[in-house]
Amino acid sequence: MAYQYAKDHDIGGKESGSDSTYDVLMRQLTGVALKKPKKKSAQILWAKASHDIVEEEVRKRAQFSTSKKGQYAGIRQKVIGELFKALDQEDQKGWEDMAMEEHEEATKAWKKQVDAPISTSPEDRQQ
């Protein structure tokens, strides 16, 4: 559950995203580009927005499961898929559009950062 919580809330041990000055510096020194952001699926976006509904159903199904406590990734994926497919086509299309918009925005921000020179301001260097 701790891993899933971290994934759902975009937290982790490493700096997330490509906004690290160190990453930009390494990209320029090595010539290796930062990773382009990947498009999240509509199901994943919906699952994050409907976290309580998904977790409630996962807990219900986990009671009858042979999985060890806390190891419900398979159940969670199945629940997300089933609940998302139960939405009407219009709602699914809305989530697909939202995923595409989010990806386009992230790609624009990534492109802007990749093309930008390294900042020389002291504030940016002290990250």
N, C-alpha and C. Protein backbone atom coordinates (compact mmCIF):
# COMPACT_ATOMS: atom_id res chain seq x y z
N MET A 1 0.82 -1.18 0.00
CA MET A 1 0.00 0.00 0.00
C MET A 1 0.87 1.26 0.00
N ALA A 2 2.03 1.22 0.66
CA ALA A 2 2.89 2.40 0.71
C ALA A 2 3.40 2.74 -0.68
N TYR A 3 3.77 1.71 -1.46
CA TYR A 3 4.22 1.94 -2.83
C TYR A 3 3.11 2.55 -3.65
N GLN A 4 1.91 2.02 -3.53
CA GLN A 4 0.78 2.53 -4.31
C GLN A 4 0.45 3.96 -3.89
N TYR A 5 0.55 4.24 -2.60
CA TYR A 5 0.31 5.60 -2.12
C TYR A 5 1.31 6.57 -2.75
N ALA A 6 2.57 6.18 -2.77
CA ALA A 6 3.60 7.04 -3.36
C ALA A 6 3.34 7.26 -4.85
N LYS A 7 2.93 6.22 -5.56
CA LYS A 7 2.63 6.35 -6.98
C LYS A 7 1.41 7.24 -7.21
N ASP A 8 0.38 7.08 -6.39
CA ASP A 8 -0.84 7.86 -6.55
C ASP A 8 -0.62 9.34 -6.28
N HIS A 9 0.31 9.65 -5.38
CA HIS A 9 0.50 11.04 -4.98
C HIS A 9 1.78 11.64 -5.54
N ASP A 10 2.39 10.98 -6.51
CA ASP A 10 3.60 11.47 -7.18
C ASP A 10 4.70 11.87 -6.21
N ILE A 11 4.98 10.98 -5.25
CA ILE A 11 6.09 11.24 -4.35
C ILE A 11 7.05 10.09 -4.45
N GLY A 12 8.28 10.37 -4.20
CA GLY A 12 9.28 9.32 -4.26
C GLY A 12 10.60 9.82 -3.69
N GLY A 13 11.57 8.95 -3.67
CA GLY A 13 12.87 9.30 -3.13
C GLY A 13 13.66 10.20 -4.05
N LYS A 14 13.51 10.06 -5.31
CA LYS A 14 14.27 10.86 -6.27
C LYS A 14 13.48 12.12 -6.61
N GLU A 15 14.23 13.11 -7.11
CA GLU A 15 13.54 14.31 -7.58
C GLU A 15 12.70 13.91 -8.77
N SER A 16 11.46 14.32 -8.77
CA SER A 16 10.59 13.94 -9.86
C SER A 16 10.67 14.95 -10.98
N GLY A 17 10.43 14.49 -12.18
CA GLY A 17 10.40 15.37 -13.33
C GLY A 17 11.78 15.71 -13.82
N SER A 18 11.84 16.63 -14.76
CA SER A 18 13.10 16.99 -15.37
C SER A 18 13.52 18.39 -14.96
N ASP A 19 13.10 18.85 -13.76
CA ASP A 19 13.38 20.22 -13.36
C ASP A 19 14.65 20.35 -12.53
N SER A 20 15.38 19.28 -12.38
CA SER A 20 16.60 19.32 -11.61
C SER A 20 17.71 19.98 -12.42
N THR A 21 18.36 20.98 -11.86
CA THR A 21 19.47 21.65 -12.54
C THR A 21 20.58 20.65 -12.83
N TYR A 22 20.79 19.72 -11.93
CA TYR A 22 21.80 18.69 -12.12
C TYR A 22 21.50 17.87 -13.38
N ASP A 23 20.24 17.51 -13.58
CA ASP A 23 19.86 16.74 -14.77
C ASP A 23 20.12 17.53 -16.04
N VAL A 24 19.81 18.81 -16.01
CA VAL A 24 20.03 19.65 -17.18
C VAL A 24 21.53 19.76 -17.47
N LEU A 25 22.32 19.96 -16.43
CA LEU A 25 23.77 20.05 -16.59
C LEU A 25 24.33 18.74 -17.16
N MET A 26 23.90 17.61 -16.63
CA MET A 26 24.38 16.31 -17.13
C MET A 26 23.97 16.11 -18.59
N ARG A 27 22.78 16.56 -18.93
CA ARG A 27 22.34 16.45 -20.33
C ARG A 27 23.27 17.23 -21.24
N GLN A 28 23.64 18.43 -20.83
CA GLN A 28 24.48 19.25 -21.68
C GLN A 28 25.91 18.72 -21.73
N LEU A 29 26.40 18.18 -20.63
CA LEU A 29 27.77 17.67 -20.61
C LEU A 29 27.91 16.36 -21.38
N THR A 30 26.93 15.50 -21.27
CA THR A 30 27.02 14.18 -21.89
C THR A 30 26.37 14.12 -23.26
N GLY A 31 25.51 15.08 -23.56
CA GLY A 31 24.82 15.06 -24.85
C GLY A 31 23.62 14.12 -24.86
N VAL A 32 23.27 13.55 -23.71
CA VAL A 32 22.14 12.64 -23.62
C VAL A 32 20.91 13.45 -23.18
N ALA A 33 19.85 13.35 -23.93
CA ALA A 33 18.65 14.14 -23.64
C ALA A 33 17.90 13.60 -22.44
N LEU A 34 17.18 14.50 -21.78
CA LEU A 34 16.27 14.09 -20.71
C LEU A 34 15.16 13.26 -21.32
N LYS A 35 14.57 12.40 -20.52
CA LYS A 35 13.50 11.54 -21.04
C LYS A 35 12.25 12.37 -21.32
N LYS A 36 11.69 12.12 -22.47
CA LYS A 36 10.45 12.77 -22.85
C LYS A 36 9.33 12.20 -21.97
N PRO A 37 8.41 13.05 -21.51
CA PRO A 37 7.33 12.54 -20.66
C PRO A 37 6.43 11.56 -21.42
N LYS A 38 6.00 10.54 -20.71
CA LYS A 38 5.12 9.54 -21.31
C LYS A 38 3.67 9.91 -21.04
N LYS A 39 2.82 9.54 -21.97
CA LYS A 39 1.39 9.82 -21.83
C LYS A 39 0.80 8.81 -20.85
N LYS A 40 0.10 9.33 -19.85
CA LYS A 40 -0.59 8.45 -18.91
C LYS A 40 -1.88 7.98 -19.56
N SER A 41 -2.28 6.78 -19.21
CA SER A 41 -3.52 6.26 -19.77
C SER A 41 -4.72 6.92 -19.10
N ALA A 42 -5.82 6.90 -19.79
CA ALA A 42 -7.06 7.47 -19.25
C ALA A 42 -7.48 6.73 -17.98
N GLN A 43 -7.24 5.43 -17.95
CA GLN A 43 -7.59 4.64 -16.77
C GLN A 43 -6.82 5.10 -15.54
N ILE A 44 -5.54 5.39 -15.72
CA ILE A 44 -4.70 5.81 -14.60
C ILE A 44 -5.16 7.18 -14.08
N LEU A 45 -5.44 8.11 -14.98
CA LEU A 45 -5.94 9.41 -14.55
C LEU A 45 -7.27 9.27 -13.81
N TRP A 46 -8.15 8.43 -14.35
CA TRP A 46 -9.45 8.22 -13.70
C TRP A 46 -9.25 7.59 -12.32
N ALA A 47 -8.33 6.62 -12.23
CA ALA A 47 -8.09 5.93 -10.96
C ALA A 47 -7.57 6.89 -9.89
N LYS A 48 -6.71 7.83 -10.29
CA LYS A 48 -6.21 8.81 -9.32
C LYS A 48 -7.34 9.72 -8.85
N ALA A 49 -8.21 10.12 -9.76
CA ALA A 49 -9.32 10.99 -9.39
C ALA A 49 -10.37 10.24 -8.57
N SER A 50 -10.49 8.95 -8.78
CA SER A 50 -11.50 8.12 -8.10
C SER A 50 -10.85 7.17 -7.11
N HIS A 51 -9.83 7.63 -6.45
CA HIS A 51 -9.02 6.79 -5.57
C HIS A 51 -9.85 6.09 -4.50
N ASP A 52 -10.76 6.82 -3.87
CA ASP A 52 -11.56 6.24 -2.78
C ASP A 52 -12.44 5.10 -3.27
N ILE A 53 -13.06 5.28 -4.42
CA ILE A 53 -13.93 4.24 -4.99
C ILE A 53 -13.13 2.99 -5.30
N VAL A 54 -11.96 3.19 -5.93
CA VAL A 54 -11.11 2.06 -6.31
C VAL A 54 -10.64 1.31 -5.07
N GLU A 55 -10.13 2.05 -4.08
CA GLU A 55 -9.60 1.39 -2.89
C GLU A 55 -10.68 0.64 -2.11
N GLU A 56 -11.87 1.19 -2.08
CA GLU A 56 -12.98 0.50 -1.39
C GLU A 56 -13.26 -0.85 -2.06
N GLU A 57 -13.30 -0.85 -3.38
CA GLU A 57 -13.56 -2.10 -4.11
C GLU A 57 -12.39 -3.08 -3.96
N VAL A 58 -11.16 -2.56 -3.95
CA VAL A 58 -9.99 -3.43 -3.75
C VAL A 58 -10.06 -4.10 -2.39
N ARG A 59 -10.40 -3.35 -1.36
CA ARG A 59 -10.50 -3.92 -0.01
C ARG A 59 -11.58 -5.00 0.06
N LYS A 60 -12.71 -4.75 -0.61
CA LYS A 60 -13.78 -5.75 -0.62
C LYS A 60 -13.29 -7.04 -1.25
N ARG A 61 -12.63 -6.92 -2.40
CA ARG A 61 -12.17 -8.13 -3.10
C ARG A 61 -11.00 -8.79 -2.40
N ALA A 62 -10.19 -8.01 -1.69
CA ALA A 62 -9.03 -8.56 -1.00
C ALA A 62 -9.43 -9.49 0.14
N GLN A 63 -10.62 -9.28 0.70
CA GLN A 63 -11.09 -10.14 1.78
C GLN A 63 -11.25 -11.58 1.31
N PHE A 64 -11.59 -11.74 0.04
CA PHE A 64 -11.82 -13.09 -0.50
C PHE A 64 -10.66 -13.57 -1.34
N SER A 65 -9.53 -12.87 -1.27
CA SER A 65 -8.37 -13.19 -2.09
C SER A 65 -7.36 -14.01 -1.29
N THR A 66 -6.53 -14.72 -2.01
CA THR A 66 -5.45 -15.47 -1.37
C THR A 66 -4.15 -14.67 -1.37
N SER A 67 -4.19 -13.43 -1.86
CA SER A 67 -3.00 -12.57 -1.88
C SER A 67 -2.59 -12.21 -0.46
N LYS A 68 -1.28 -12.01 -0.28
CA LYS A 68 -0.80 -11.58 1.02
C LYS A 68 -1.25 -10.16 1.29
N LYS A 69 -1.39 -9.83 2.55
CA LYS A 69 -1.85 -8.49 2.92
C LYS A 69 -0.89 -7.44 2.35
N GLY A 70 -1.46 -6.43 1.70
CA GLY A 70 -0.66 -5.36 1.14
C GLY A 70 -0.17 -5.61 -0.28
N GLN A 71 -0.38 -6.81 -0.80
CA GLN A 71 0.07 -7.13 -2.16
C GLN A 71 -1.14 -7.28 -3.07
N TYR A 72 -1.74 -6.16 -3.36
CA TYR A 72 -2.98 -6.18 -4.11
C TYR A 72 -2.86 -5.51 -5.48
N ALA A 73 -1.68 -5.45 -6.03
CA ALA A 73 -1.48 -4.75 -7.31
C ALA A 73 -2.33 -5.39 -8.41
N GLY A 74 -2.36 -6.69 -8.47
CA GLY A 74 -3.15 -7.37 -9.49
C GLY A 74 -4.64 -7.11 -9.35
N ILE A 75 -5.10 -7.17 -8.09
CA ILE A 75 -6.51 -6.89 -7.82
C ILE A 75 -6.84 -5.45 -8.20
N ARG A 76 -5.94 -4.53 -7.82
CA ARG A 76 -6.16 -3.11 -8.09
C ARG A 76 -6.26 -2.86 -9.58
N GLN A 77 -5.36 -3.43 -10.37
CA GLN A 77 -5.40 -3.23 -11.82
C GLN A 77 -6.69 -3.78 -12.43
N LYS A 78 -7.11 -4.93 -11.94
CA LYS A 78 -8.35 -5.52 -12.44
C LYS A 78 -9.55 -4.65 -12.10
N VAL A 79 -9.58 -4.14 -10.88
CA VAL A 79 -10.68 -3.27 -10.44
C VAL A 79 -10.71 -1.99 -11.28
N ILE A 80 -9.55 -1.38 -11.48
CA ILE A 80 -9.47 -0.15 -12.27
C ILE A 80 -10.00 -0.39 -13.68
N GLY A 81 -9.56 -1.48 -14.28
CA GLY A 81 -10.01 -1.80 -15.64
C GLY A 81 -11.51 -2.02 -15.71
N GLU A 82 -12.05 -2.78 -14.77
CA GLU A 82 -13.48 -3.08 -14.78
C GLU A 82 -14.33 -1.84 -14.52
N LEU A 83 -13.93 -1.03 -13.54
CA LEU A 83 -14.70 0.16 -13.22
C LEU A 83 -14.62 1.20 -14.35
N PHE A 84 -13.46 1.31 -14.97
CA PHE A 84 -13.32 2.27 -16.07
C PHE A 84 -14.16 1.83 -17.27
N LYS A 85 -14.17 0.53 -17.55
CA LYS A 85 -14.97 0.03 -18.67
C LYS A 85 -16.47 0.17 -18.40
N ALA A 86 -16.84 0.24 -17.12
CA ALA A 86 -18.25 0.40 -16.76
C ALA A 86 -18.74 1.83 -17.01
N LEU A 87 -17.81 2.78 -17.16
CA LEU A 87 -18.21 4.16 -17.47
C LEU A 87 -18.78 4.20 -18.88
N ASP A 88 -19.66 5.16 -19.12
CA ASP A 88 -20.19 5.28 -20.48
C ASP A 88 -19.11 5.84 -21.42
N GLN A 89 -19.33 5.67 -22.71
CA GLN A 89 -18.33 6.05 -23.72
C GLN A 89 -17.96 7.53 -23.65
N GLU A 90 -18.93 8.36 -23.34
CA GLU A 90 -18.67 9.80 -23.27
C GLU A 90 -17.69 10.13 -22.15
N ASP A 91 -17.87 9.50 -20.98
CA ASP A 91 -16.95 9.73 -19.87
C ASP A 91 -15.56 9.21 -20.19
N GLN A 92 -15.49 8.02 -20.79
CA GLN A 92 -14.19 7.47 -21.17
C GLN A 92 -13.48 8.39 -22.15
N LYS A 93 -14.22 8.92 -23.11
CA LYS A 93 -13.65 9.84 -24.09
C LYS A 93 -13.13 11.10 -23.40
N GLY A 94 -13.86 11.59 -22.41
CA GLY A 94 -13.42 12.75 -21.65
C GLY A 94 -12.10 12.52 -20.94
N TRP A 95 -11.95 11.34 -20.36
CA TRP A 95 -10.70 11.00 -19.68
C TRP A 95 -9.56 10.83 -20.69
N GLU A 96 -9.86 10.28 -21.87
CA GLU A 96 -8.85 10.16 -22.92
C GLU A 96 -8.37 11.54 -23.36
N ASP A 97 -9.33 12.46 -23.53
CA ASP A 97 -8.98 13.82 -23.93
C ASP A 97 -8.13 14.51 -22.86
N MET A 98 -8.50 14.29 -21.60
CA MET A 98 -7.74 14.88 -20.50
C MET A 98 -6.31 14.33 -20.48
N ALA A 99 -6.15 13.04 -20.72
CA ALA A 99 -4.83 12.43 -20.75
C ALA A 99 -4.00 13.03 -21.88
N MET A 100 -4.62 13.23 -23.03
CA MET A 100 -3.91 13.81 -24.17
C MET A 100 -3.49 15.25 -23.88
N GLU A 101 -4.39 16.04 -23.30
CA GLU A 101 -4.07 17.43 -22.96
C GLU A 101 -2.92 17.50 -21.96
N GLU A 102 -2.99 16.65 -20.94
CA GLU A 102 -1.94 16.62 -19.92
C GLU A 102 -0.60 16.26 -20.54
N HIS A 103 -0.62 15.29 -21.46
CA HIS A 103 0.61 14.88 -22.13
C HIS A 103 1.17 16.00 -23.00
N GLU A 104 0.31 16.69 -23.72
CA GLU A 104 0.77 17.79 -24.57
C GLU A 104 1.40 18.90 -23.74
N GLU A 105 0.79 19.23 -22.60
CA GLU A 105 1.34 20.26 -21.72
C GLU A 105 2.70 19.82 -21.16
N ALA A 106 2.80 18.57 -20.73
CA ALA A 106 4.07 18.07 -20.19
C ALA A 106 5.14 18.05 -21.28
N THR A 107 4.76 17.71 -22.50
CA THR A 107 5.72 17.67 -23.60
C THR A 107 6.20 19.08 -23.94
N LYS A 108 5.30 20.06 -23.92
CA LYS A 108 5.70 21.45 -24.17
C LYS A 108 6.68 21.94 -23.11
N ALA A 109 6.39 21.64 -21.84
CA ALA A 109 7.28 22.04 -20.75
C ALA A 109 8.63 21.35 -20.89
N TRP A 110 8.62 20.07 -21.26
CA TRP A 110 9.86 19.32 -21.45
C TRP A 110 10.67 19.93 -22.59
N LYS A 111 10.01 20.22 -23.69
CA LYS A 111 10.68 20.79 -24.86
C LYS A 111 11.30 22.14 -24.51
N LYS A 112 10.56 22.96 -23.76
CA LYS A 112 11.06 24.27 -23.35
C LYS A 112 12.31 24.12 -22.50
N GLN A 113 12.29 23.16 -21.59
CA GLN A 113 13.44 22.97 -20.71
C GLN A 113 14.63 22.38 -21.44
N VAL A 114 14.39 21.47 -22.36
CA VAL A 114 15.49 20.86 -23.11
C VAL A 114 16.19 21.90 -23.97
N ASP A 115 15.42 22.80 -24.54
CA ASP A 115 15.99 23.81 -25.42
C ASP A 115 16.58 25.00 -24.69
N ALA A 116 16.26 25.16 -23.41
CA ALA A 116 16.72 26.32 -22.64
C ALA A 116 18.18 26.15 -22.22
N PRO A 117 18.91 27.26 -22.15
CA PRO A 117 20.29 27.19 -21.63
C PRO A 117 20.26 27.00 -20.12
N ILE A 118 21.38 26.61 -19.56
CA ILE A 118 21.48 26.43 -18.12
C ILE A 118 21.37 27.80 -17.45
N SER A 119 20.58 27.87 -16.40
CA SER A 119 20.39 29.11 -15.67
C SER A 119 21.66 29.45 -14.90
N THR A 120 22.00 30.72 -14.86
CA THR A 120 23.18 31.17 -14.11
C THR A 120 22.78 31.88 -12.81
N SER A 121 21.50 31.92 -12.49
CA SER A 121 21.08 32.60 -11.26
C SER A 121 21.47 31.75 -10.05
N PRO A 122 21.93 32.40 -8.97
CA PRO A 122 22.34 31.66 -7.78
C PRO A 122 21.21 30.82 -7.17
N GLU A 123 19.95 31.31 -7.27
CA GLU A 123 18.84 30.57 -6.70
C GLU A 123 18.67 29.21 -7.36
N ASP A 124 18.80 29.18 -8.68
CA ASP A 124 18.65 27.92 -9.40
C ASP A 124 19.81 26.97 -9.13
N ARG A 125 20.96 27.50 -8.86
CA ARG A 125 22.13 26.65 -8.62
C ARG A 125 22.13 26.04 -7.23
N GLN A 126 21.30 26.54 -6.35
CA GLN A 126 21.28 26.03 -4.97
C GLN A 126 20.16 25.03 -4.74
N GLN A 127 19.67 24.42 -5.74
CA GLN A 127 18.57 23.45 -5.57
C GLN A 127 19.04 22.23 -4.87
